Amino acid sequence: LTDGRFSGGTRGAAIGHISPEAAAGGLLGLVAEGDLIKIDIPGRNLELLVDTDELKKRKAAWQQPTAKIKKGYLARYARQVSSAAKGAVLE
């Protein structure tokens, strides 16, 4: 599973895009190493098999990542580009 960042190509089954992305506060940002995820490809559904109370704790502790690049065109792009689910265009 990925939040849209690929390195090269993929081989075999892959989930290529999940929205909202982790950086936008989506559920993907709450997934921890070792969590089980049920994948239903025909039903186009992913289910994170983690207790609701645990997810509430993770959500309360979640902090939006800070921008690594603070100046220049890439900083502007990071601030103003829309989600990939909305076309990833500068607004």
PDB file of N, CA and C in Angstrom:
ATOM      1  N   LEU A   1       0.847  -1.176   0.000  1.00  0.00           N
ATOM      2  CA  LEU A   1       0.000   0.000   0.000  1.00  0.00           C
ATOM      3  C   LEU A   1       0.881   1.224   0.000  1.00  0.00           C
ATOM      4  N   THR A   2       0.451   2.233  -0.684  1.00  0.00           N
ATOM      5  CA  THR A   2       1.209   3.479  -0.740  1.00  0.00           C
ATOM      6  C   THR A   2       0.239   4.651  -0.745  1.00  0.00           C
ATOM      7  N   ASP A   3       0.707   5.804  -0.350  1.00  0.00           N
ATOM      8  CA  ASP A   3      -0.124   6.999  -0.428  1.00  0.00           C
ATOM      9  C   ASP A   3       0.151   7.759  -1.728  1.00  0.00           C
ATOM     10  N   GLY A   4       0.661   7.061  -2.712  1.00  0.00           N
ATOM     11  CA  GLY A   4       0.864   7.656  -4.027  1.00  0.00           C
ATOM     12  C   GLY A   4       2.316   7.811  -4.423  1.00  0.00           C
ATOM     13  N   ARG A   5       3.250   7.545  -3.511  1.00  0.00           N
ATOM     14  CA  ARG A   5       4.668   7.677  -3.846  1.00  0.00           C
ATOM     15  C   ARG A   5       5.180   6.335  -4.341  1.00  0.00           C
ATOM     16  N   PHE A   6       5.590   6.297  -5.601  1.00  0.00           N
ATOM     17  CA  PHE A   6       6.131   5.079  -6.192  1.00  0.00           C
ATOM     18  C   PHE A   6       7.600   5.287  -6.504  1.00  0.00           C
ATOM     19  N   SER A   7       8.339   4.235  -6.450  1.00  0.00           N
ATOM     20  CA  SER A   7       9.735   4.282  -6.848  1.00  0.00           C
ATOM     21  C   SER A   7       9.892   3.303  -8.002  1.00  0.00           C
ATOM     22  N   GLY A   8       9.936   3.819  -9.203  1.00  0.00           N
ATOM     23  CA  GLY A   8      10.007   2.939 -10.366  1.00  0.00           C
ATOM     24  C   GLY A   8       8.660   2.313 -10.650  1.00  0.00           C
ATOM     25  N   GLY A   9       8.664   1.082 -11.063  1.00  0.00           N
ATOM     26  CA  GLY A   9       7.431   0.389 -11.384  1.00  0.00           C
ATOM     27  C   GLY A   9       7.008  -0.550 -10.280  1.00  0.00           C
ATOM     28  N   THR A  10       5.889  -1.188 -10.492  1.00  0.00           N
ATOM     29  CA  THR A  10       5.420  -2.181  -9.527  1.00  0.00           C
ATOM     30  C   THR A  10       5.282  -3.512 -10.248  1.00  0.00           C
ATOM     31  N   ARG A  11       5.265  -4.562  -9.472  1.00  0.00           N
ATOM     32  CA  ARG A  11       5.102  -5.889 -10.047  1.00  0.00           C
ATOM     33  C   ARG A  11       4.109  -6.637  -9.177  1.00  0.00           C
ATOM     34  N   GLY A  12       3.113  -7.225  -9.794  1.00  0.00           N
ATOM     35  CA  GLY A  12       2.089  -7.925  -9.029  1.00  0.00           C
ATOM     36  C   GLY A  12       1.030  -6.962  -8.518  1.00  0.00           C
ATOM     37  N   ALA A  13       0.212  -7.451  -7.608  1.00  0.00           N
ATOM     38  CA  ALA A  13      -0.876  -6.632  -7.074  1.00  0.00           C
ATOM     39  C   ALA A  13      -0.315  -5.448  -6.294  1.00  0.00           C
ATOM     40  N   ALA A  14      -0.948  -4.291  -6.453  1.00  0.00           N
ATOM     41  CA  ALA A  14      -0.537  -3.092  -5.737  1.00  0.00           C
ATOM     42  C   ALA A  14      -1.746  -2.185  -5.571  1.00  0.00           C
ATOM     43  N   ILE A  15      -1.783  -1.477  -4.488  1.00  0.00           N
ATOM     44  CA  ILE A  15      -2.780  -0.434  -4.292  1.00  0.00           C
ATOM     45  C   ILE A  15      -2.027   0.855  -4.586  1.00  0.00           C
ATOM     46  N   GLY A  16      -2.423   1.565  -5.621  1.00  0.00           N
ATOM     47  CA  GLY A  16      -1.622   2.673  -6.107  1.00  0.00           C
ATOM     48  C   GLY A  16      -1.952   4.041  -5.565  1.00  0.00           C
ATOM     49  N   HIS A  17      -3.155   4.253  -5.058  1.00  0.00           N
ATOM     50  CA  HIS A  17      -3.497   5.575  -4.552  1.00  0.00           C
ATOM     51  C   HIS A  17      -4.582   5.434  -3.504  1.00  0.00           C
ATOM     52  N   ILE A  18      -4.397   6.080  -2.378  1.00  0.00           N
ATOM     53  CA  ILE A  18      -5.376   6.088  -1.306  1.00  0.00           C
ATOM     54  C   ILE A  18      -5.624   7.542  -0.947  1.00  0.00           C
ATOM     55  N   SER A  19      -6.880   7.921  -0.841  1.00  0.00           N
ATOM     56  CA  SER A  19      -7.208   9.304  -0.539  1.00  0.00           C
ATOM     57  C   SER A  19      -8.214   9.357   0.590  1.00  0.00           C
ATOM     58  N   PRO A  20      -8.150  10.268   1.557  1.00  0.00           N
ATOM     59  CA  PRO A  20      -7.131  11.313   1.628  1.00  0.00           C
ATOM     60  C   PRO A  20      -5.784  10.752   2.056  1.00  0.00           C
ATOM     61  N   GLU A  21      -4.751  11.406   1.602  1.00  0.00           N
ATOM     62  CA  GLU A  21      -3.399  10.963   1.868  1.00  0.00           C
ATOM     63  C   GLU A  21      -3.033  11.156   3.335  1.00  0.00           C
ATOM     64  N   ALA A  22      -1.974  10.503   3.749  1.00  0.00           N
ATOM     65  CA  ALA A  22      -1.510  10.581   5.139  1.00  0.00           C
ATOM     66  C   ALA A  22      -1.212  12.020   5.547  1.00  0.00           C
ATOM     67  N   ALA A  23      -0.569  12.783   4.688  1.00  0.00           N
ATOM     68  CA  ALA A  23      -0.194  14.156   5.028  1.00  0.00           C
ATOM     69  C   ALA A  23      -1.396  15.073   5.194  1.00  0.00           C
ATOM     70  N   ALA A  24      -2.542  14.660   4.664  1.00  0.00           N
ATOM     71  CA  ALA A  24      -3.773  15.449   4.795  1.00  0.00           C
ATOM     72  C   ALA A  24      -4.603  14.990   5.983  1.00  0.00           C
ATOM     73  N   GLY A  25      -4.062  14.109   6.797  1.00  0.00           N
ATOM     74  CA  GLY A  25      -4.795  13.635   7.961  1.00  0.00           C
ATOM     75  C   GLY A  25      -5.672  12.436   7.686  1.00  0.00           C
ATOM     76  N   GLY A  26      -5.444  11.775   6.566  1.00  0.00           N
ATOM     77  CA  GLY A  26      -6.235  10.605   6.212  1.00  0.00           C
ATOM     78  C   GLY A  26      -5.891   9.401   7.079  1.00  0.00           C
ATOM     79  N   LEU A  27      -6.733   8.398   7.024  1.00  0.00           N
ATOM     80  CA  LEU A  27      -6.557   7.185   7.816  1.00  0.00           C
ATOM     81  C   LEU A  27      -5.208   6.523   7.555  1.00  0.00           C
ATOM     82  N   LEU A  28      -4.685   6.672   6.355  1.00  0.00           N
ATOM     83  CA  LEU A  28      -3.397   6.070   6.015  1.00  0.00           C
ATOM     84  C   LEU A  28      -2.293   6.533   6.966  1.00  0.00           C
ATOM     85  N   GLY A  29      -2.387   7.754   7.457  1.00  0.00           N
ATOM     86  CA  GLY A  29      -1.396   8.281   8.389  1.00  0.00           C
ATOM     87  C   GLY A  29      -1.449   7.638   9.762  1.00  0.00           C
ATOM     88  N   LEU A  30      -2.501   6.884  10.048  1.00  0.00           N
ATOM     89  CA  LEU A  30      -2.640   6.229  11.352  1.00  0.00           C
ATOM     90  C   LEU A  30      -2.214   4.770  11.324  1.00  0.00           C
ATOM     91  N   VAL A  31      -1.886   4.256  10.150  1.00  0.00           N
ATOM     92  CA  VAL A  31      -1.453   2.868  10.033  1.00  0.00           C
ATOM     93  C   VAL A  31      -0.071   2.726  10.655  1.00  0.00           C
ATOM     94  N   ALA A  32       0.090   1.698  11.490  1.00  0.00           N
ATOM     95  CA  ALA A  32       1.371   1.444  12.150  1.00  0.00           C
ATOM     96  C   ALA A  32       1.954   0.128  11.655  1.00  0.00           C
ATOM     97  N   GLU A  33       3.262   0.011  11.783  1.00  0.00           N
ATOM     98  CA  GLU A  33       3.954  -1.221  11.403  1.00  0.00           C
ATOM     99  C   GLU A  33       3.279  -2.408  12.078  1.00  0.00           C
ATOM    100  N   GLY A  34       2.951  -3.428  11.309  1.00  0.00           N
ATOM    101  CA  GLY A  34       2.340  -4.638  11.843  1.00  0.00           C
ATOM    102  C   GLY A  34       0.820  -4.649  11.839  1.00  0.00           C
ATOM    103  N   ASP A  35       0.174  -3.517  11.535  1.00  0.00           N
ATOM    104  CA  ASP A  35      -1.293  -3.497  11.452  1.00  0.00           C
ATOM    105  C   ASP A  35      -1.761  -4.392  10.317  1.00  0.00           C
ATOM    106  N   LEU A  36      -2.886  -5.037  10.519  1.00  0.00           N
ATOM    107  CA  LEU A  36      -3.484  -5.850   9.460  1.00  0.00           C
ATOM    108  C   LEU A  36      -4.463  -5.009   8.664  1.00  0.00           C
ATOM    109  N   ILE A  37      -4.444  -5.208   7.344  1.00  0.00           N
ATOM    110  CA  ILE A  37      -5.342  -4.492   6.442  1.00  0.00           C
ATOM    111  C   ILE A  37      -6.025  -5.516   5.549  1.00  0.00           C
ATOM    112  N   LYS A  38      -7.339  -5.499   5.571  1.00  0.00           N
ATOM    113  CA  LYS A  38      -8.128  -6.398   4.723  1.00  0.00           C
ATOM    114  C   LYS A  38      -8.305  -5.717   3.364  1.00  0.00           C
ATOM    115  N   ILE A  39      -7.934  -6.429   2.309  1.00  0.00           N
ATOM    116  CA  ILE A  39      -8.017  -5.892   0.951  1.00  0.00           C
ATOM    117  C   ILE A  39      -9.081  -6.658   0.177  1.00  0.00           C
ATOM    118  N   ASP A  40     -10.098  -5.941  -0.290  1.00  0.00           N
ATOM    119  CA  ASP A  40     -11.179  -6.514  -1.094  1.00  0.00           C
ATOM    120  C   ASP A  40     -11.129  -5.842  -2.463  1.00  0.00           C
ATOM    121  N   ILE A  41     -10.359  -6.432  -3.379  1.00  0.00           N
ATOM    122  CA  ILE A  41     -10.173  -5.818  -4.693  1.00  0.00           C
ATOM    123  C   ILE A  41     -11.479  -5.744  -5.483  1.00  0.00           C
ATOM    124  N   PRO A  42     -12.278  -6.824  -5.588  1.00  0.00           N
ATOM    125  CA  PRO A  42     -13.540  -6.699  -6.335  1.00  0.00           C
ATOM    126  C   PRO A  42     -14.478  -5.642  -5.739  1.00  0.00           C
ATOM    127  N   GLY A  43     -14.468  -5.517  -4.401  1.00  0.00           N
ATOM    128  CA  GLY A  43     -15.326  -4.539  -3.749  1.00  0.00           C
ATOM    129  C   GLY A  43     -14.717  -3.151  -3.661  1.00  0.00           C
ATOM    130  N   ARG A  44     -13.457  -3.018  -4.149  1.00  0.00           N
ATOM    131  CA  ARG A  44     -12.743  -1.732  -4.134  1.00  0.00           C
ATOM    132  C   ARG A  44     -12.721  -1.135  -2.728  1.00  0.00           C
ATOM    133  N   ASN A  45     -12.313  -1.952  -1.755  1.00  0.00           N
ATOM    134  CA  ASN A  45     -12.359  -1.529  -0.366  1.00  0.00           C
ATOM    135  C   ASN A  45     -11.120  -2.003   0.394  1.00  0.00           C
ATOM    136  N   LEU A  46     -10.626  -1.143   1.274  1.00  0.00           N
ATOM    137  CA  LEU A  46      -9.560  -1.484   2.215  1.00  0.00           C
ATOM    138  C   LEU A  46     -10.125  -1.285   3.615  1.00  0.00           C
ATOM    139  N   GLU A  47      -9.799  -2.199   4.519  1.00  0.00           N
ATOM    140  CA  GLU A  47     -10.274  -2.080   5.900  1.00  0.00           C
ATOM    141  C   GLU A  47      -9.094  -2.256   6.847  1.00  0.00           C
ATOM    142  N   LEU A  48      -8.826  -1.237   7.645  1.00  0.00           N
ATOM    143  CA  LEU A  48      -7.771  -1.293   8.642  1.00  0.00           C
ATOM    144  C   LEU A  48      -8.320  -2.028   9.858  1.00  0.00           C
ATOM    145  N   LEU A  49      -7.728  -3.172  10.171  1.00  0.00           N
ATOM    146  CA  LEU A  49      -8.241  -4.026  11.241  1.00  0.00           C
ATOM    147  C   LEU A  49      -7.600  -3.641  12.579  1.00  0.00           C
ATOM    148  N   VAL A  50      -7.948  -2.445  13.037  1.00  0.00           N
ATOM    149  CA  VAL A  50      -7.448  -1.905  14.299  1.00  0.00           C
ATOM    150  C   VAL A  50      -8.645  -1.404  15.097  1.00  0.00           C
ATOM    151  N   ASP A  51      -8.619  -1.645  16.405  1.00  0.00           N
ATOM    152  CA  ASP A  51      -9.688  -1.247  17.314  1.00  0.00           C
ATOM    153  C   ASP A  51      -9.960   0.265  17.229  1.00  0.00           C
ATOM    154  N   THR A  52     -11.227   0.637  17.289  1.00  0.00           N
ATOM    155  CA  THR A  52     -11.643   2.041  17.193  1.00  0.00           C
ATOM    156  C   THR A  52     -10.987   2.907  18.267  1.00  0.00           C
ATOM    157  N   ASP A  53     -10.883   2.392  19.501  1.00  0.00           N
ATOM    158  CA  ASP A  53     -10.246   3.163  20.570  1.00  0.00           C
ATOM    159  C   ASP A  53      -8.768   3.429  20.266  1.00  0.00           C
ATOM    160  N   GLU A  54      -8.074   2.433  19.701  1.00  0.00           N
ATOM    161  CA  GLU A  54      -6.675   2.615  19.328  1.00  0.00           C
ATOM    162  C   GLU A  54      -6.544   3.672  18.229  1.00  0.00           C
ATOM    163  N   LEU A  55      -7.453   3.646  17.262  1.00  0.00           N
ATOM    164  CA  LEU A  55      -7.408   4.655  16.197  1.00  0.00           C
ATOM    165  C   LEU A  55      -7.656   6.050  16.747  1.00  0.00           C
ATOM    166  N   LYS A  56      -8.548   6.172  17.725  1.00  0.00           N
ATOM    167  CA  LYS A  56      -8.802   7.480  18.359  1.00  0.00           C
ATOM    168  C   LYS A  56      -7.536   7.997  19.039  1.00  0.00           C
ATOM    169  N   LYS A  57      -6.804   7.110  19.719  1.00  0.00           N
ATOM    170  CA  LYS A  57      -5.546   7.500  20.367  1.00  0.00           C
ATOM    171  C   LYS A  57      -4.529   7.964  19.337  1.00  0.00           C
ATOM    172  N   ARG A  58      -4.404   7.200  18.248  1.00  0.00           N
ATOM    173  CA  ARG A  58      -3.453   7.573  17.191  1.00  0.00           C
ATOM    174  C   ARG A  58      -3.833   8.901  16.558  1.00  0.00           C
ATOM    175  N   LYS A  59      -5.122   9.117  16.327  1.00  0.00           N
ATOM    176  CA  LYS A  59      -5.589  10.365  15.707  1.00  0.00           C
ATOM    177  C   LYS A  59      -5.279  11.555  16.612  1.00  0.00           C
ATOM    178  N   ALA A  60      -5.485  11.382  17.918  1.00  0.00           N
ATOM    179  CA  ALA A  60      -5.209  12.457  18.870  1.00  0.00           C
ATOM    180  C   ALA A  60      -3.716  12.803  18.909  1.00  0.00           C
ATOM    181  N   ALA A  61      -2.862  11.828  18.686  1.00  0.00           N
ATOM    182  CA  ALA A  61      -1.412  12.039  18.728  1.00  0.00           C
ATOM    183  C   ALA A  61      -0.842  12.486  17.379  1.00  0.00           C
ATOM    184  N   TRP A  62      -1.629  12.381  16.296  1.00  0.00           N
ATOM    185  CA  TRP A  62      -1.127  12.682  14.949  1.00  0.00           C
ATOM    186  C   TRP A  62      -0.826  14.170  14.807  1.00  0.00           C
ATOM    187  N   GLN A  63       0.274  14.474  14.152  1.00  0.00           N
ATOM    188  CA  GLN A  63       0.632  15.853  13.823  1.00  0.00           C
ATOM    189  C   GLN A  63       0.946  15.940  12.344  1.00  0.00           C
ATOM    190  N   GLN A  64       0.457  16.984  11.710  1.00  0.00           N
ATOM    191  CA  GLN A  64       0.734  17.159  10.286  1.00  0.00           C
ATOM    192  C   GLN A  64       2.230  17.363  10.090  1.00  0.00           C
ATOM    193  N   PRO A  65       2.811  16.668   9.110  1.00  0.00           N
ATOM    194  CA  PRO A  65       4.254  16.828   8.852  1.00  0.00           C
ATOM    195  C   PRO A  65       4.587  18.263   8.458  1.00  0.00           C
ATOM    196  N   THR A  66       5.743  18.733   8.881  1.00  0.00           N
ATOM    197  CA  THR A  66       6.188  20.072   8.500  1.00  0.00           C
ATOM    198  C   THR A  66       6.894  19.994   7.150  1.00  0.00           C
ATOM    199  N   ALA A  67       6.821  21.078   6.426  1.00  0.00           N
ATOM    200  CA  ALA A  67       7.451  21.140   5.105  1.00  0.00           C
ATOM    201  C   ALA A  67       8.967  21.068   5.254  1.00  0.00           C
ATOM    202  N   LYS A  68       9.606  20.246   4.431  1.00  0.00           N
ATOM    203  CA  LYS A  68      11.063  20.118   4.470  1.00  0.00           C
ATOM    204  C   LYS A  68      11.728  21.225   3.666  1.00  0.00           C
ATOM    205  N   ILE A  69      11.065  21.661   2.606  1.00  0.00           N
ATOM    206  CA  ILE A  69      11.600  22.721   1.749  1.00  0.00           C
ATOM    207  C   ILE A  69      10.784  23.977   2.029  1.00  0.00           C
ATOM    208  N   LYS A  70      11.430  25.034   2.448  1.00  0.00           N
ATOM    209  CA  LYS A  70      10.721  26.227   2.904  1.00  0.00           C
ATOM    210  C   LYS A  70      10.764  27.397   1.921  1.00  0.00           C
ATOM    211  N   LYS A  71      11.635  27.321   0.899  1.00  0.00           N
ATOM    212  CA  LYS A  71      11.779  28.427  -0.048  1.00  0.00           C
ATOM    213  C   LYS A  71      11.733  27.916  -1.476  1.00  0.00           C
ATOM    214  N   GLY A  72      11.442  28.814  -2.388  1.00  0.00           N
ATOM    215  CA  GLY A  72      11.518  28.507  -3.801  1.00  0.00           C
ATOM    216  C   GLY A  72      10.277  27.840  -4.372  1.00  0.00           C
ATOM    217  N   TYR A  73      10.416  27.419  -5.624  1.00  0.00           N
ATOM    218  CA  TYR A  73       9.288  26.870  -6.364  1.00  0.00           C
ATOM    219  C   TYR A  73       8.733  25.602  -5.713  1.00  0.00           C
ATOM    220  N   LEU A  74       9.594  24.712  -5.245  1.00  0.00           N
ATOM    221  CA  LEU A  74       9.103  23.480  -4.627  1.00  0.00           C
ATOM    222  C   LEU A  74       8.315  23.761  -3.353  1.00  0.00           C
ATOM    223  N   ALA A  75       8.707  24.775  -2.595  1.00  0.00           N
ATOM    224  CA  ALA A  75       7.956  25.148  -1.396  1.00  0.00           C
ATOM    225  C   ALA A  75       6.576  25.671  -1.791  1.00  0.00           C
ATOM    226  N   ARG A  76       6.537  26.505  -2.831  1.00  0.00           N
ATOM    227  CA  ARG A  76       5.263  27.027  -3.318  1.00  0.00           C
ATOM    228  C   ARG A  76       4.374  25.880  -3.794  1.00  0.00           C
ATOM    229  N   TYR A  77       4.953  24.972  -4.534  1.00  0.00           N
ATOM    230  CA  TYR A  77       4.202  23.820  -5.037  1.00  0.00           C
ATOM    231  C   TYR A  77       3.613  23.011  -3.875  1.00  0.00           C
ATOM    232  N   ALA A  78       4.425  22.734  -2.866  1.00  0.00           N
ATOM    233  CA  ALA A  78       3.963  21.950  -1.717  1.00  0.00           C
ATOM    234  C   ALA A  78       2.817  22.644  -0.993  1.00  0.00           C
ATOM    235  N   ARG A  79       2.854  23.974  -0.910  1.00  0.00           N
ATOM    236  CA  ARG A  79       1.796  24.720  -0.224  1.00  0.00           C
ATOM    237  C   ARG A  79       0.516  24.790  -1.038  1.00  0.00           C
ATOM    238  N   GLN A  80       0.631  24.855  -2.365  1.00  0.00           N
ATOM    239  CA  GLN A  80      -0.522  25.207  -3.184  1.00  0.00           C
ATOM    240  C   GLN A  80      -1.080  24.099  -4.058  1.00  0.00           C
ATOM    241  N   VAL A  81      -0.417  22.962  -4.161  1.00  0.00           N
ATOM    242  CA  VAL A  81      -0.923  21.909  -5.033  1.00  0.00           C
ATOM    243  C   VAL A  81      -2.082  21.192  -4.339  1.00  0.00           C
ATOM    244  N   SER A  82      -3.068  20.811  -5.131  1.00  0.00           N
ATOM    245  CA  SER A  82      -4.201  20.076  -4.570  1.00  0.00           C
ATOM    246  C   SER A  82      -3.845  18.595  -4.431  1.00  0.00           C
ATOM    247  N   SER A  83      -4.682  17.862  -3.749  1.00  0.00           N
ATOM    248  CA  SER A  83      -4.509  16.424  -3.577  1.00  0.00           C
ATOM    249  C   SER A  83      -4.504  15.726  -4.933  1.00  0.00           C
ATOM    250  N   ALA A  84      -3.849  14.583  -4.998  1.00  0.00           N
ATOM    251  CA  ALA A  84      -3.870  13.791  -6.227  1.00  0.00           C
ATOM    252  C   ALA A  84      -5.297  13.389  -6.578  1.00  0.00           C
ATOM    253  N   ALA A  85      -6.145  13.218  -5.570  1.00  0.00           N
ATOM    254  CA  ALA A  85      -7.544  12.872  -5.817  1.00  0.00           C
ATOM    255  C   ALA A  85      -8.299  14.005  -6.503  1.00  0.00           C
ATOM    256  N   LYS A  86      -7.736  15.226  -6.437  1.00  0.00           N
ATOM    257  CA  LYS A  86      -8.359  16.387  -7.070  1.00  0.00           C
ATOM    258  C   LYS A  86      -7.580  16.854  -8.291  1.00  0.00           C
ATOM    259  N   GLY A  87      -6.643  16.035  -8.758  1.00  0.00           N
ATOM    260  CA  GLY A  87      -5.912  16.359  -9.972  1.00  0.00           C
ATOM    261  C   GLY A  87      -4.487  16.819  -9.771  1.00  0.00           C
ATOM    262  N   ALA A  88      -4.066  17.057  -8.541  1.00  0.00           N
ATOM    263  CA  ALA A  88      -2.695  17.490  -8.225  1.00  0.00           C
ATOM    264  C   ALA A  88      -2.279  18.701  -9.049  1.00  0.00           C
ATOM    265  N   VAL A  89      -3.136  19.708  -9.093  1.00  0.00           N
ATOM    266  CA  VAL A  89      -2.838  20.921  -9.844  1.00  0.00           C
ATOM    267  C   VAL A  89      -2.594  22.081  -8.892  1.00  0.00           C
ATOM    268  N   LEU A  90      -1.807  23.066  -9.332  1.00  0.00           N
ATOM    269  CA  LEU A  90      -1.591  24.266  -8.528  1.00  0.00           C
ATOM    270  C   LEU A  90      -2.877  25.071  -8.482  1.00  0.00           C
ATOM    271  N   GLU A  91      -3.219  25.502  -7.305  1.00  0.00           N
ATOM    272  CA  GLU A  91      -4.445  26.303  -7.134  1.00  0.00           C
ATOM    273  C   GLU A  91      -4.109  27.755  -6.989  1.00  0.00           C
TER     274      GLU A  91
END
